[in-house]
C-alpha atoms as a PDB file:
ATOM      1  CA  UNK A   1      23.771   4.698  15.587  1.00  0.00           C
ATOM      2  CA  UNK A   2      24.305   1.273  17.147  1.00  0.00           C
ATOM      3  CA  UNK A   3      21.682  -1.452  16.795  1.00  0.00           C
ATOM      4  CA  UNK A   4      20.759  -1.127  20.462  1.00  0.00           C
ATOM      5  CA  UNK A   5      20.010   2.577  19.994  1.00  0.00           C
ATOM      6  CA  UNK A   6      18.026   1.853  16.816  1.00  0.00           C
ATOM      7  CA  UNK A   7      15.949  -0.692  18.734  1.00  0.00           C
ATOM      8  CA  UNK A   8      15.250   1.885  21.435  1.00  0.00           C
ATOM      9  CA  UNK A   9      14.233   4.502  18.859  1.00  0.00           C
ATOM     10  CA  UNK A  10      11.898   2.037  17.115  1.00  0.00           C
ATOM     11  CA  UNK A  11      10.219   0.982  20.357  1.00  0.00           C
ATOM     12  CA  UNK A  12       7.770   3.889  20.502  1.00  0.00           C
ATOM     13  CA  UNK A  13       6.433   3.339  16.973  1.00  0.00           C
ATOM     14  CA  UNK A  14       6.244  -0.421  17.461  1.00  0.00           C
ATOM     15  CA  UNK A  15       4.305  -0.064  20.695  1.00  0.00           C
ATOM     16  CA  UNK A  16       1.819   2.329  19.053  1.00  0.00           C
ATOM     17  CA  UNK A  17       1.345  -0.021  16.093  1.00  0.00           C
ATOM     18  CA  UNK A  18       0.804  -3.081  18.250  1.00  0.00           C
ATOM     19  CA  UNK A  19      -1.392  -1.555  20.959  1.00  0.00           C
ATOM     20  CA  UNK A  20      -3.083   1.478  19.379  1.00  0.00           C
ATOM     21  CA  UNK A  21      -3.452   0.440  15.739  1.00  0.00           C
ATOM     22  CA  UNK A  22      -3.910  -3.329  16.052  1.00  0.00           C
ATOM     23  CA  UNK A  23      -5.307  -3.626  19.608  1.00  0.00           C
ATOM     24  CA  UNK A  24      -3.181  -6.651  20.511  1.00  0.00           C
ATOM     25  CA  UNK A  25      -4.175  -8.126  23.865  1.00  0.00           C
ATOM     26  CA  UNK A  26      -2.591 -10.458  26.392  1.00  0.00           C
ATOM     27  CA  UNK A  27      -2.706 -14.170  25.494  1.00  0.00           C
ATOM     28  CA  UNK A  28      -3.544 -13.542  21.828  1.00  0.00           C
ATOM     29  CA  UNK A  29      -1.560 -15.586  19.319  1.00  0.00           C
ATOM     30  CA  UNK A  30       0.540 -13.230  17.218  1.00  0.00           C
ATOM     31  CA  UNK A  31       2.504 -14.206  14.115  1.00  0.00           C
ATOM     32  CA  UNK A  32       5.258 -11.833  13.001  1.00  0.00           C
ATOM     33  CA  UNK A  33       6.364 -12.577   9.421  1.00  0.00           C
ATOM     34  CA  UNK A  34       9.658 -11.168   8.277  1.00  0.00           C
ATOM     35  CA  UNK A  35      12.500 -11.894   5.860  1.00  0.00           C
ATOM     36  CA  UNK A  36      16.301 -11.416   5.915  1.00  0.00           C
ATOM     37  CA  UNK A  37      16.055  -7.740   4.906  1.00  0.00           C
ATOM     38  CA  UNK A  38      13.342  -6.725   7.382  1.00  0.00           C
ATOM     39  CA  UNK A  39      14.200  -8.783  10.432  1.00  0.00           C
ATOM     40  CA  UNK A  40      15.035  -5.762  12.603  1.00  0.00           C
ATOM     41  CA  UNK A  41      11.577  -4.241  12.141  1.00  0.00           C
ATOM     42  CA  UNK A  42       9.928  -7.612  12.748  1.00  0.00           C
ATOM     43  CA  UNK A  43      11.932  -8.091  15.930  1.00  0.00           C
ATOM     44  CA  UNK A  44      10.795  -4.697  17.228  1.00  0.00           C
ATOM     45  CA  UNK A  45       7.140  -5.514  16.529  1.00  0.00           C
ATOM     46  CA  UNK A  46       7.522  -8.927  18.173  1.00  0.00           C
ATOM     47  CA  UNK A  47       9.101  -7.347  21.263  1.00  0.00           C
ATOM     48  CA  UNK A  48       6.239  -4.855  21.572  1.00  0.00           C
ATOM     49  CA  UNK A  49       3.612  -7.588  21.254  1.00  0.00           C
ATOM     50  CA  UNK A  50       5.399  -9.753  23.814  1.00  0.00           C
ATOM     51  CA  UNK A  51       5.444  -6.799  26.175  1.00  0.00           C
ATOM     52  CA  UNK A  52       1.641  -6.788  26.112  1.00  0.00           C
ATOM     53  CA  UNK A  53       1.555 -10.457  27.118  1.00  0.00           C
ATOM     54  CA  UNK A  54       0.775 -11.892  23.687  1.00  0.00           C
ATOM     55  CA  UNK A  55       2.049 -15.301  22.593  1.00  0.00           C
ATOM     56  CA  UNK A  56       4.384 -14.351  19.758  1.00  0.00           C
ATOM     57  CA  UNK A  57       5.890 -16.504  17.005  1.00  0.00           C
ATOM     58  CA  UNK A  58       8.333 -14.933  14.550  1.00  0.00           C
ATOM     59  CA  UNK A  59       8.737 -16.570  11.121  1.00  0.00           C
ATOM     60  CA  UNK A  60      11.526 -15.608   8.734  1.00  0.00           C
ATOM     61  CA  UNK A  61      10.586 -16.504   5.169  1.00  0.00           C
ATOM     62  CA  UNK A  62      12.669 -16.312   1.985  1.00  0.00           C
ATOM     63  CA  UNK A  63      12.569 -13.133  -0.079  1.00  0.00           C
ATOM     64  CA  UNK A  64       9.752 -13.205  -2.624  1.00  0.00           C
ATOM     65  CA  UNK A  65      10.376 -12.304  -6.238  1.00  0.00           C
ATOM     66  CA  UNK A  66       7.723  -9.588  -6.452  1.00  0.00           C
ATOM     67  CA  UNK A  67       4.947  -7.749  -4.652  1.00  0.00           C
ATOM     68  CA  UNK A  68       1.760  -9.802  -4.789  1.00  0.00           C
ATOM     69  CA  UNK A  69       3.500 -13.195  -4.854  1.00  0.00           C
ATOM     70  CA  UNK A  70       1.922 -15.774  -2.581  1.00  0.00           C
ATOM     71  CA  UNK A  71       3.902 -16.604   0.578  1.00  0.00           C
ATOM     72  CA  UNK A  72       5.006 -20.189   1.300  1.00  0.00           C
ATOM     73  CA  UNK A  73       2.189 -22.513   2.393  1.00  0.00           C
ATOM     74  CA  UNK A  74       3.488 -22.727   5.964  1.00  0.00           C
ATOM     75  CA  UNK A  75       3.251 -18.920   6.252  1.00  0.00           C
ATOM     76  CA  UNK A  76      -0.250 -18.909   4.751  1.00  0.00           C
ATOM     77  CA  UNK A  77      -1.363 -21.537   7.279  1.00  0.00           C
ATOM     78  CA  UNK A  78       0.071 -19.527  10.144  1.00  0.00           C
ATOM     79  CA  UNK A  79      -1.673 -16.369   8.967  1.00  0.00           C
ATOM     80  CA  UNK A  80      -5.006 -18.170   8.840  1.00  0.00           C
ATOM     81  CA  UNK A  81      -4.748 -19.518  12.391  1.00  0.00           C
ATOM     82  CA  UNK A  82      -3.256 -16.524  14.226  1.00  0.00           C
ATOM     83  CA  UNK A  83      -5.300 -13.921  16.048  1.00  0.00           C
ATOM     84  CA  UNK A  84      -3.005 -11.215  14.676  1.00  0.00           C
ATOM     85  CA  UNK A  85      -0.425 -11.356  11.887  1.00  0.00           C
ATOM     86  CA  UNK A  86       2.171  -8.692  11.109  1.00  0.00           C
ATOM     87  CA  UNK A  87       3.661  -8.885   7.614  1.00  0.00           C
ATOM     88  CA  UNK A  88       7.017  -7.126   8.017  1.00  0.00           C
ATOM     89  CA  UNK A  89       8.267  -8.194   4.592  1.00  0.00           C
ATOM     90  CA  UNK A  90      10.251  -6.635   1.773  1.00  0.00           C
ATOM     91  CA  UNK A  91       7.596  -7.505  -0.803  1.00  0.00           C
ATOM     92  CA  UNK A  92       3.919  -7.009  -0.008  1.00  0.00           C
ATOM     93  CA  UNK A  93       1.724 -10.043   0.551  1.00  0.00           C
ATOM     94  CA  UNK A  94      -1.345  -7.854   1.038  1.00  0.00           C
ATOM     95  CA  UNK A  95      -2.839  -8.585  -2.366  1.00  0.00           C
ATOM     96  CA  UNK A  96      -2.673 -12.366  -2.077  1.00  0.00           C
ATOM     97  CA  UNK A  97      -5.071 -15.236  -1.550  1.00  0.00           C
ATOM     98  CA  UNK A  98      -3.227 -15.995   1.700  1.00  0.00           C
ATOM     99  CA  UNK A  99      -4.100 -12.574   3.127  1.00  0.00           C
ATOM    100  CA  UNK A 100      -7.712 -12.819   1.949  1.00  0.00           C
ATOM    101  CA  UNK A 101      -8.013 -16.262   3.538  1.00  0.00           C
ATOM    102  CA  UNK A 102      -6.619 -14.921   6.807  1.00  0.00           C
ATOM    103  CA  UNK A 103      -9.241 -12.164   6.768  1.00  0.00           C
ATOM    104  CA  UNK A 104     -12.012 -14.706   6.238  1.00  0.00           C
ATOM    105  CA  UNK A 105     -10.699 -16.682   9.225  1.00  0.00           C
ATOM    106  CA  UNK A 106     -10.814 -13.552  11.394  1.00  0.00           C
ATOM    107  CA  UNK A 107      -7.088 -12.777  11.566  1.00  0.00           C
ATOM    108  CA  UNK A 108      -6.233  -9.117  12.058  1.00  0.00           C
ATOM    109  CA  UNK A 109      -3.338  -8.339   9.714  1.00  0.00           C
ATOM    110  CA  UNK A 110      -0.944  -5.433  10.127  1.00  0.00           C
ATOM    111  CA  UNK A 111       0.929  -4.718   6.888  1.00  0.00           C
ATOM    112  CA  UNK A 112       4.435  -3.224   7.093  1.00  0.00           C
ATOM    113  CA  UNK A 113       5.591  -3.967   3.562  1.00  0.00           C
ATOM    114  CA  UNK A 114       9.077  -2.657   2.829  1.00  0.00           C
ATOM    115  CA  UNK A 115       9.244  -0.721   6.089  1.00  0.00           C
ATOM    116  CA  UNK A 116      12.840  -0.078   7.155  1.00  0.00           C
ATOM    117  CA  UNK A 117      14.273   0.692  10.555  1.00  0.00           C
ATOM    118  CA  UNK A 118      14.816   4.312   9.477  1.00  0.00           C
ATOM    119  CA  UNK A 119      11.139   4.619   8.495  1.00  0.00           C
ATOM    120  CA  UNK A 120      10.123   3.446  11.963  1.00  0.00           C
ATOM    121  CA  UNK A 121      12.005   6.389  13.478  1.00  0.00           C
ATOM    122  CA  UNK A 122      11.163   9.379  11.254  1.00  0.00           C
ATOM    123  CA  UNK A 123       8.920  10.517   8.420  1.00  0.00           C
ATOM    124  CA  UNK A 124       5.436   9.088   7.930  1.00  0.00           C
ATOM    125  CA  UNK A 125       5.377   7.214  11.262  1.00  0.00           C
ATOM    126  CA  UNK A 126       5.626  10.503  13.203  1.00  0.00           C
ATOM    127  CA  UNK A 127       2.240  11.812  11.984  1.00  0.00           C
ATOM    128  CA  UNK A 128      -0.665  12.646  14.293  1.00  0.00           C
ATOM    129  CA  UNK A 129      -2.565   9.377  13.811  1.00  0.00           C
ATOM    130  CA  UNK A 130      -5.988  10.634  14.925  1.00  0.00           C
ATOM    131  CA  UNK A 131      -5.948  13.705  12.656  1.00  0.00           C
ATOM    132  CA  UNK A 132      -4.768  11.554   9.770  1.00  0.00           C
ATOM    133  CA  UNK A 133      -7.490   9.012  10.459  1.00  0.00           C
ATOM    134  CA  UNK A 134     -10.261  11.601  10.176  1.00  0.00           C
ATOM    135  CA  UNK A 135      -8.824  13.099   6.980  1.00  0.00           C
ATOM    136  CA  UNK A 136      -8.300   9.727   5.297  1.00  0.00           C
ATOM    137  CA  UNK A 137     -11.775   8.488   6.210  1.00  0.00           C
ATOM    138  CA  UNK A 138     -13.300  11.660   4.730  1.00  0.00           C
ATOM    139  CA  UNK A 139     -11.346  11.252   1.500  1.00  0.00           C
ATOM    140  CA  UNK A 140     -12.300   7.582   1.232  1.00  0.00           C
ATOM    141  CA  UNK A 141     -15.953   8.589   1.560  1.00  0.00           C
ATOM    142  CA  UNK A 142     -15.578  11.150  -1.257  1.00  0.00           C
ATOM    143  CA  UNK A 143     -14.003   8.534  -3.539  1.00  0.00           C
ATOM    144  CA  UNK A 144     -16.659   5.940  -2.697  1.00  0.00           C
ATOM    145  CA  UNK A 145     -19.470   8.388  -3.504  1.00  0.00           C
ATOM    146  CA  UNK A 146     -17.944   9.459  -6.841  1.00  0.00           C
ATOM    147  CA  UNK A 147     -18.728   7.818 -10.166  1.00  0.00           C
ATOM    148  CA  UNK A 148     -15.928   9.088 -12.398  1.00  0.00           C
ATOM    149  CA  UNK A 149     -12.285  10.065 -11.929  1.00  0.00           C
ATOM    150  CA  UNK A 150      -9.815  11.956 -14.072  1.00  0.00           C
ATOM    151  CA  UNK A 151      -6.134  12.341 -13.176  1.00  0.00           C
ATOM    152  CA  UNK A 152      -3.944  14.806 -15.055  1.00  0.00           C
ATOM    153  CA  UNK A 153      -0.495  16.279 -14.528  1.00  0.00           C
ATOM    154  CA  UNK A 154       2.103  18.535 -16.082  1.00  0.00           C
ATOM    155  CA  UNK A 155       4.220  15.402 -16.614  1.00  0.00           C
ATOM    156  CA  UNK A 156       1.843  14.181 -19.321  1.00  0.00           C
ATOM    157  CA  UNK A 157      -0.565  12.135 -17.219  1.00  0.00           C
ATOM    158  CA  UNK A 158      -4.143  12.251 -18.507  1.00  0.00           C
ATOM    159  CA  UNK A 159      -6.305   9.255 -17.681  1.00  0.00           C
ATOM    160  CA  UNK A 160     -10.014   8.781 -17.040  1.00  0.00           C
ATOM    161  CA  UNK A 161     -11.929   5.849 -15.570  1.00  0.00           C
ATOM    162  CA  UNK A 162     -15.120   4.884 -13.806  1.00  0.00           C
ATOM    163  CA  UNK A 163     -15.191   4.270 -10.060  1.00  0.00           C
ATOM    164  CA  UNK A 164     -18.940   3.837  -9.874  1.00  0.00           C
ATOM    165  CA  UNK A 165     -19.714   1.244  -7.222  1.00  0.00           C
ATOM    166  CA  UNK A 166     -16.031   0.884  -6.287  1.00  0.00           C
ATOM    167  CA  UNK A 167     -15.556   1.266  -2.537  1.00  0.00           C
ATOM    168  CA  UNK A 168     -12.551   3.196  -1.236  1.00  0.00           C
ATOM    169  CA  UNK A 169     -10.602   2.128   1.838  1.00  0.00           C
ATOM    170  CA  UNK A 170      -9.297   4.358   4.629  1.00  0.00           C
ATOM    171  CA  UNK A 171      -5.764   3.033   5.105  1.00  0.00           C
ATOM    172  CA  UNK A 172      -5.049   5.225   8.090  1.00  0.00           C
ATOM    173  CA  UNK A 173      -2.883   2.849  10.123  1.00  0.00           C
ATOM    174  CA  UNK A 174      -5.756   1.460  12.181  1.00  0.00           C
ATOM    175  CA  UNK A 175      -7.237  -2.003  11.792  1.00  0.00           C
ATOM    176  CA  UNK A 176     -10.660  -1.970  10.131  1.00  0.00           C
ATOM    177  CA  UNK A 177     -12.738  -5.104  10.528  1.00  0.00           C
ATOM    178  CA  UNK A 178     -14.428  -4.666   7.149  1.00  0.00           C
ATOM    179  CA  UNK A 179     -11.059  -4.593   5.357  1.00  0.00           C
ATOM    180  CA  UNK A 180      -9.326  -7.206   7.487  1.00  0.00           C
ATOM    181  CA  UNK A 181      -6.009  -5.360   7.606  1.00  0.00           C
ATOM    182  CA  UNK A 182      -4.149  -2.180   8.504  1.00  0.00           C
ATOM    183  CA  UNK A 183      -1.204  -0.652   6.663  1.00  0.00           C
ATOM    184  CA  UNK A 184       1.825   1.119   8.122  1.00  0.00           C
ATOM    185  CA  UNK A 185       3.043   3.740   7.483  1.00  0.00           C
ATOM    186  CA  UNK A 186      -0.480   5.177   7.379  1.00  0.00           C
ATOM    187  CA  UNK A 187      -2.053   7.521   4.901  1.00  0.00           C
ATOM    188  CA  UNK A 188      -3.873   6.606   1.692  1.00  0.00           C
ATOM    189  CA  UNK A 189      -7.366   6.177   0.317  1.00  0.00           C
ATOM    190  CA  UNK A 190      -7.334   3.528  -2.451  1.00  0.00           C
ATOM    191  CA  UNK A 191      -9.965   1.967  -4.639  1.00  0.00           C
ATOM    192  CA  UNK A 192      -9.923   0.019  -7.881  1.00  0.00           C
ATOM    193  CA  UNK A 193     -10.890   1.539 -11.238  1.00  0.00           C
ATOM    194  CA  UNK A 194     -13.898  -0.276 -12.644  1.00  0.00           C
ATOM    195  CA  UNK A 195     -12.605  -3.025 -14.905  1.00  0.00           C
ATOM    196  CA  UNK A 196     -12.329  -2.149 -18.567  1.00  0.00           C
ATOM    197  CA  UNK A 197     -12.935   1.598 -18.175  1.00  0.00           C
ATOM    198  CA  UNK A 198      -9.492   3.246 -17.913  1.00  0.00           C
ATOM    199  CA  UNK A 199      -8.220   5.070 -20.993  1.00  0.00           C
ATOM    200  CA  UNK A 200      -5.379   7.524 -21.458  1.00  0.00           C
ATOM    201  CA  UNK A 201      -1.821   7.896 -20.195  1.00  0.00           C
ATOM    202  CA  UNK A 202      -0.233   7.570 -16.763  1.00  0.00           C
ATOM    203  CA  UNK A 203       3.276   8.932 -16.262  1.00  0.00           C
ATOM    204  CA  UNK A 204       4.888   7.477 -13.134  1.00  0.00           C
ATOM    205  CA  UNK A 205       7.651   9.869 -12.062  1.00  0.00           C
ATOM    206  CA  UNK A 206       8.691   9.009  -8.487  1.00  0.00           C
ATOM    207  CA  UNK A 207       9.067   5.288  -7.883  1.00  0.00           C
ATOM    208  CA  UNK A 208       7.592   1.941  -8.842  1.00  0.00           C
ATOM    209  CA  UNK A 209       7.500  -1.440  -7.168  1.00  0.00           C
ATOM    210  CA  UNK A 210      10.215  -3.834  -8.350  1.00  0.00           C
ATOM    211  CA  UNK A 211      12.057  -0.915  -9.988  1.00  0.00           C
ATOM    212  CA  UNK A 212      12.607   1.425  -7.017  1.00  0.00           C
ATOM    213  CA  UNK A 213      13.277   5.141  -7.452  1.00  0.00           C
ATOM    214  CA  UNK A 214      12.909   6.032 -11.121  1.00  0.00           C
ATOM    215  CA  UNK A 215      15.766   7.538 -13.091  1.00  0.00           C
ATOM    216  CA  UNK A 216      13.310   8.754 -15.743  1.00  0.00           C
ATOM    217  CA  UNK A 217       9.500   8.738 -15.875  1.00  0.00           C
ATOM    218  CA  UNK A 218       7.643   5.716 -17.232  1.00  0.00           C
ATOM    219  CA  UNK A 219       4.619   6.342 -19.457  1.00  0.00           C
ATOM    220  CA  UNK A 220       1.850   3.760 -19.434  1.00  0.00           C
ATOM    221  CA  UNK A 221      -0.712   3.856 -22.241  1.00  0.00           C
ATOM    222  CA  UNK A 222      -4.079   2.407 -21.261  1.00  0.00           C
ATOM    223  CA  UNK A 223      -6.924   1.120 -23.390  1.00  0.00           C
ATOM    224  CA  UNK A 224     -10.083  -0.308 -21.857  1.00  0.00           C
ATOM    225  CA  UNK A 225      -8.440  -0.910 -18.487  1.00  0.00           C
ATOM    226  CA  UNK A 226      -5.202  -2.536 -19.614  1.00  0.00           C
ATOM    227  CA  UNK A 227      -1.694  -1.225 -20.229  1.00  0.00           C
ATOM    228  CA  UNK A 228      -1.002  -1.549 -23.944  1.00  0.00           C
ATOM    229  CA  UNK A 229       2.372   0.185 -24.091  1.00  0.00           C
ATOM    230  CA  UNK A 230       5.217   1.283 -21.812  1.00  0.00           C
ATOM    231  CA  UNK A 231       7.735   3.933 -22.799  1.00  0.00           C
ATOM    232  CA  UNK A 232      10.201   6.448 -21.459  1.00  0.00           C
ATOM    233  CA  UNK A 233      13.318   4.718 -20.170  1.00  0.00           C
ATOM    234  CA  UNK A 234      15.258   1.504 -19.742  1.00  0.00           C
ATOM    235  CA  UNK A 235      13.169   0.877 -16.629  1.00  0.00           C
ATOM    236  CA  UNK A 236      10.038   0.874 -18.775  1.00  0.00           C
ATOM    237  CA  UNK A 237      11.583  -2.047 -20.655  1.00  0.00           C
ATOM    238  CA  UNK A 238      12.053  -3.841 -17.324  1.00  0.00           C
ATOM    239  CA  UNK A 239       8.377  -3.297 -16.593  1.00  0.00           C
ATOM    240  CA  UNK A 240       7.414  -4.706 -19.992  1.00  0.00           C
ATOM    241  CA  UNK A 241       9.467  -7.806 -19.209  1.00  0.00           C
ATOM    242  CA  UNK A 242       7.602  -8.194 -15.912  1.00  0.00           C
ATOM    243  CA  UNK A 243       4.292  -7.984 -17.777  1.00  0.00           C
ATOM    244  CA  UNK A 244       5.427 -10.615 -20.250  1.00  0.00           C
ATOM    245  CA  UNK A 245       6.487 -12.952 -17.456  1.00  0.00           C
ATOM    246  CA  UNK A 246       3.220 -12.714 -15.519  1.00  0.00           C
ATOM    247  CA  UNK A 247       0.496 -12.865 -18.157  1.00  0.00           C
ATOM    248  CA  UNK A 248      -2.199 -10.574 -19.493  1.00  0.00           C
ATOM    249  CA  UNK A 249      -3.772  -9.692 -16.132  1.00  0.00           C
ATOM    250  CA  UNK A 250      -0.480  -8.185 -14.966  1.00  0.00           C
ATOM    251  CA  UNK A 251      -1.387  -5.271 -17.268  1.00  0.00           C
ATOM    252  CA  UNK A 252      -4.713  -4.624 -15.531  1.00  0.00           C
ATOM    253  CA  UNK A 253      -5.070  -1.173 -13.955  1.00  0.00           C
ATOM    254  CA  UNK A 254      -5.709  -2.495 -10.469  1.00  0.00           C
ATOM    255  CA  UNK A 255      -5.645   0.490  -8.115  1.00  0.00           C
ATOM    256  CA  UNK A 256      -6.086   4.234  -7.857  1.00  0.00           C
ATOM    257  CA  UNK A 257      -5.149   5.905  -4.553  1.00  0.00           C
ATOM    258  CA  UNK A 258      -4.520   9.338  -3.071  1.00  0.00           C
ATOM    259  CA  UNK A 259      -1.925   9.892  -0.332  1.00  0.00           C
ATOM    260  CA  UNK A 260      -2.931  11.743   2.862  1.00  0.00           C
ATOM    261  CA  UNK A 261       0.143  11.774   5.142  1.00  0.00           C
ATOM    262  CA  UNK A 262       1.875  15.197   5.393  1.00  0.00           C
ATOM    263  CA  UNK A 263       4.873  13.679   7.193  1.00  0.00           C
ATOM    264  CA  UNK A 264       5.631  11.104   4.490  1.00  0.00           C
ATOM    265  CA  UNK A 265       8.746  11.691   2.403  1.00  0.00           C
ATOM    266  CA  UNK A 266       9.648  10.707  -1.146  1.00  0.00           C
ATOM    267  CA  UNK A 267      12.513   8.336  -0.467  1.00  0.00           C
ATOM    268  CA  UNK A 268      12.267   5.799  -3.285  1.00  0.00           C
ATOM    269  CA  UNK A 269      10.466   3.293  -1.053  1.00  0.00           C
ATOM    270  CA  UNK A 270       6.854   2.746  -2.091  1.00  0.00           C
ATOM    271  CA  UNK A 271       5.797   1.963   1.479  1.00  0.00           C
ATOM    272  CA  UNK A 272       6.324   5.654   2.275  1.00  0.00           C
ATOM    273  CA  UNK A 273       6.286   7.381  -1.123  1.00  0.00           C
ATOM    274  CA  UNK A 274       2.681   6.481  -1.871  1.00  0.00           C
ATOM    275  CA  UNK A 275       1.463   7.810   1.487  1.00  0.00           C
ATOM    276  CA  UNK A 276       2.742  11.380   0.882  1.00  0.00           C
ATOM    277  CA  UNK A 277      -0.131  13.825   0.988  1.00  0.00           C
ATOM    278  CA  UNK A 278      -1.225  14.951  -2.481  1.00  0.00           C
ATOM    279  CA  UNK A 279       0.475  12.187  -4.441  1.00  0.00           C
ATOM    280  CA  UNK A 280      -1.429   9.625  -6.457  1.00  0.00           C
ATOM    281  CA  UNK A 281      -0.410   6.076  -7.069  1.00  0.00           C
ATOM    282  CA  UNK A 282      -1.751   3.561  -9.518  1.00  0.00           C
ATOM    283  CA  UNK A 283      -1.119  -0.159  -9.449  1.00  0.00           C
ATOM    284  CA  UNK A 284      -1.137  -2.824 -12.116  1.00  0.00           C
ATOM    285  CA  UNK A 285      -2.012  -6.467 -11.655  1.00  0.00           C
ATOM    286  CA  UNK A 286      -4.270  -8.017  -9.027  1.00  0.00           C
ATOM    287  CA  UNK A 287      -7.229  -6.018  -7.677  1.00  0.00           C
ATOM    288  CA  UNK A 288      -9.082  -8.724  -5.753  1.00  0.00           C
ATOM    289  CA  UNK A 289      -8.083  -7.346  -2.340  1.00  0.00           C
ATOM    290  CA  UNK A 290      -9.598  -3.995  -3.334  1.00  0.00           C
ATOM    291  CA  UNK A 291     -12.948  -5.463  -4.310  1.00  0.00           C
ATOM    292  CA  UNK A 292     -12.203  -6.204  -7.960  1.00  0.00           C
ATOM    293  CA  UNK A 293     -12.380  -9.460  -9.864  1.00  0.00           C
ATOM    294  CA  UNK A 294      -9.091  -9.535 -11.795  1.00  0.00           C
ATOM    295  CA  UNK A 295      -6.519 -11.980 -10.443  1.00  0.00           C
ATOM    296  CA  UNK A 296      -2.775 -11.815 -10.985  1.00  0.00           C
ATOM    297  CA  UNK A 297       0.290 -12.976  -9.091  1.00  0.00           C
ATOM    298  CA  UNK A 298       1.691  -9.414  -8.999  1.00  0.00           C
ATOM    299  CA  UNK A 299       0.478  -6.049  -7.714  1.00  0.00           C
ATOM    300  CA  UNK A 300       2.880  -3.194  -8.497  1.00  0.00           C
ATOM    301  CA  UNK A 301       2.393   0.414  -7.371  1.00  0.00           C
ATOM    302  CA  UNK A 302       3.745   3.491  -9.152  1.00  0.00           C
ATOM    303  CA  UNK A 303       3.713   7.036  -7.718  1.00  0.00           C
ATOM    304  CA  UNK A 304       2.948  10.376  -9.401  1.00  0.00           C
ATOM    305  CA  UNK A 305       4.405  13.408  -7.625  1.00  0.00           C
ATOM    306  CA  UNK A 306       2.136  16.338  -8.574  1.00  0.00           C
ATOM    307  CA  UNK A 307      -1.204  15.160  -9.954  1.00  0.00           C
ATOM    308  CA  UNK A 308      -4.519  16.937 -10.323  1.00  0.00           C
ATOM    309  CA  UNK A 309      -7.479  14.737  -9.418  1.00  0.00           C
ATOM    310  CA  UNK A 310     -11.096  15.386 -10.351  1.00  0.00           C
ATOM    311  CA  UNK A 311     -13.833  13.254  -8.833  1.00  0.00           C
ATOM    312  CA  UNK A 312     -16.964  13.917 -10.874  1.00  0.00           C
ATOM    313  CA  UNK A 313     -17.078  17.751 -10.912  1.00  0.00           C
ATOM    314  CA  UNK A 314     -14.903  18.319  -7.821  1.00  0.00           C
ATOM    315  CA  UNK A 315     -11.137  18.896  -7.833  1.00  0.00           C
ATOM    316  CA  UNK A 316      -9.788  17.170  -4.716  1.00  0.00           C
ATOM    317  CA  UNK A 317      -6.062  17.407  -5.526  1.00  0.00           C
ATOM    318  CA  UNK A 318      -4.600  20.311  -7.497  1.00  0.00           C
ATOM    319  CA  UNK A 319      -1.012  20.101  -8.741  1.00  0.00           C
ATOM    320  CA  UNK A 320      -0.055  17.824  -5.858  1.00  0.00           C
ATOM    321  CA  UNK A 321      -1.929  19.736  -3.134  1.00  0.00           C
ATOM    322  CA  UNK A 322      -4.742  17.927  -1.328  1.00  0.00           C
ATOM    323  CA  UNK A 323      -7.701  20.247  -0.737  1.00  0.00           C
ATOM    324  CA  UNK A 324      -8.029  19.721   2.998  1.00  0.00           C
ATOM    325  CA  UNK A 325     -11.004  22.087   3.252  1.00  0.00           C
ATOM    326  CA  UNK A 326     -13.079  19.374   1.570  1.00  0.00           C
ATOM    327  CA  UNK A 327     -12.133  16.876   4.265  1.00  0.00           C
ATOM    328  CA  UNK A 328     -11.520  18.525   7.648  1.00  0.00           C
END
């Protein structure tokens, strides 16, 4: 497919994101942030915003080293002064002080971390957004109301933690004022485990940020909220090196989330993998953007394919199947 045809195919998704999900209006100042690997997606978003009469600036920044790294100061300043910012970047800048500052200044941020041109055309982006929104909001409410979570799996996962008082977010593709951002592709309900409460084992068996699609599962041993050991493959050694390079808080269990998008595919790209209905992903590192208090300069997600999730006394996911009857 030629680039012109790709641009045409992306146009529908970009228009929906800009107008339906982010409510961009004429004369608003829109900043589209991209990098050398994601420029095509950024260009499509910029074109859609321009078509609505917005004043659009596109900034191409250097590739960051990792998810959760702060963007350059000039990007952070632009995010804080724009009406709307789209982060079409290879590495997520969602869990950064720059994004939190932008939210405080009233910027509406649309997050398209790692989204490729192919993902704009098929898979998770083709979901019925309104149905997904209702389902994800219902799941987020269940998580928010729960006090305790246990995640198990036939891959060896068995971890428990408190979520008492930890609000869950409905990341359904739409902008929510209380969060300050929207994520695309849509489809997850995340929260943060209460600090210091997670104990057990998590076996990531699909993909992990900075490592990509996993050749073999990675087992994380947790004690009192922190990863104390990684095992399972050469990639687990890579993860240990990342922890060593980024300090103790990089080992913090930062996020617990359940995917809600039935159209999402497992493709080795966390932007889509973690949205697949019935999957769970955990993250290590910074949890400040999710309401926690632990700061780190990384935030790395890892996906589990077929988990069972118990919230208090209710099983909401069983062997990778989301119990929709609890939500619809």
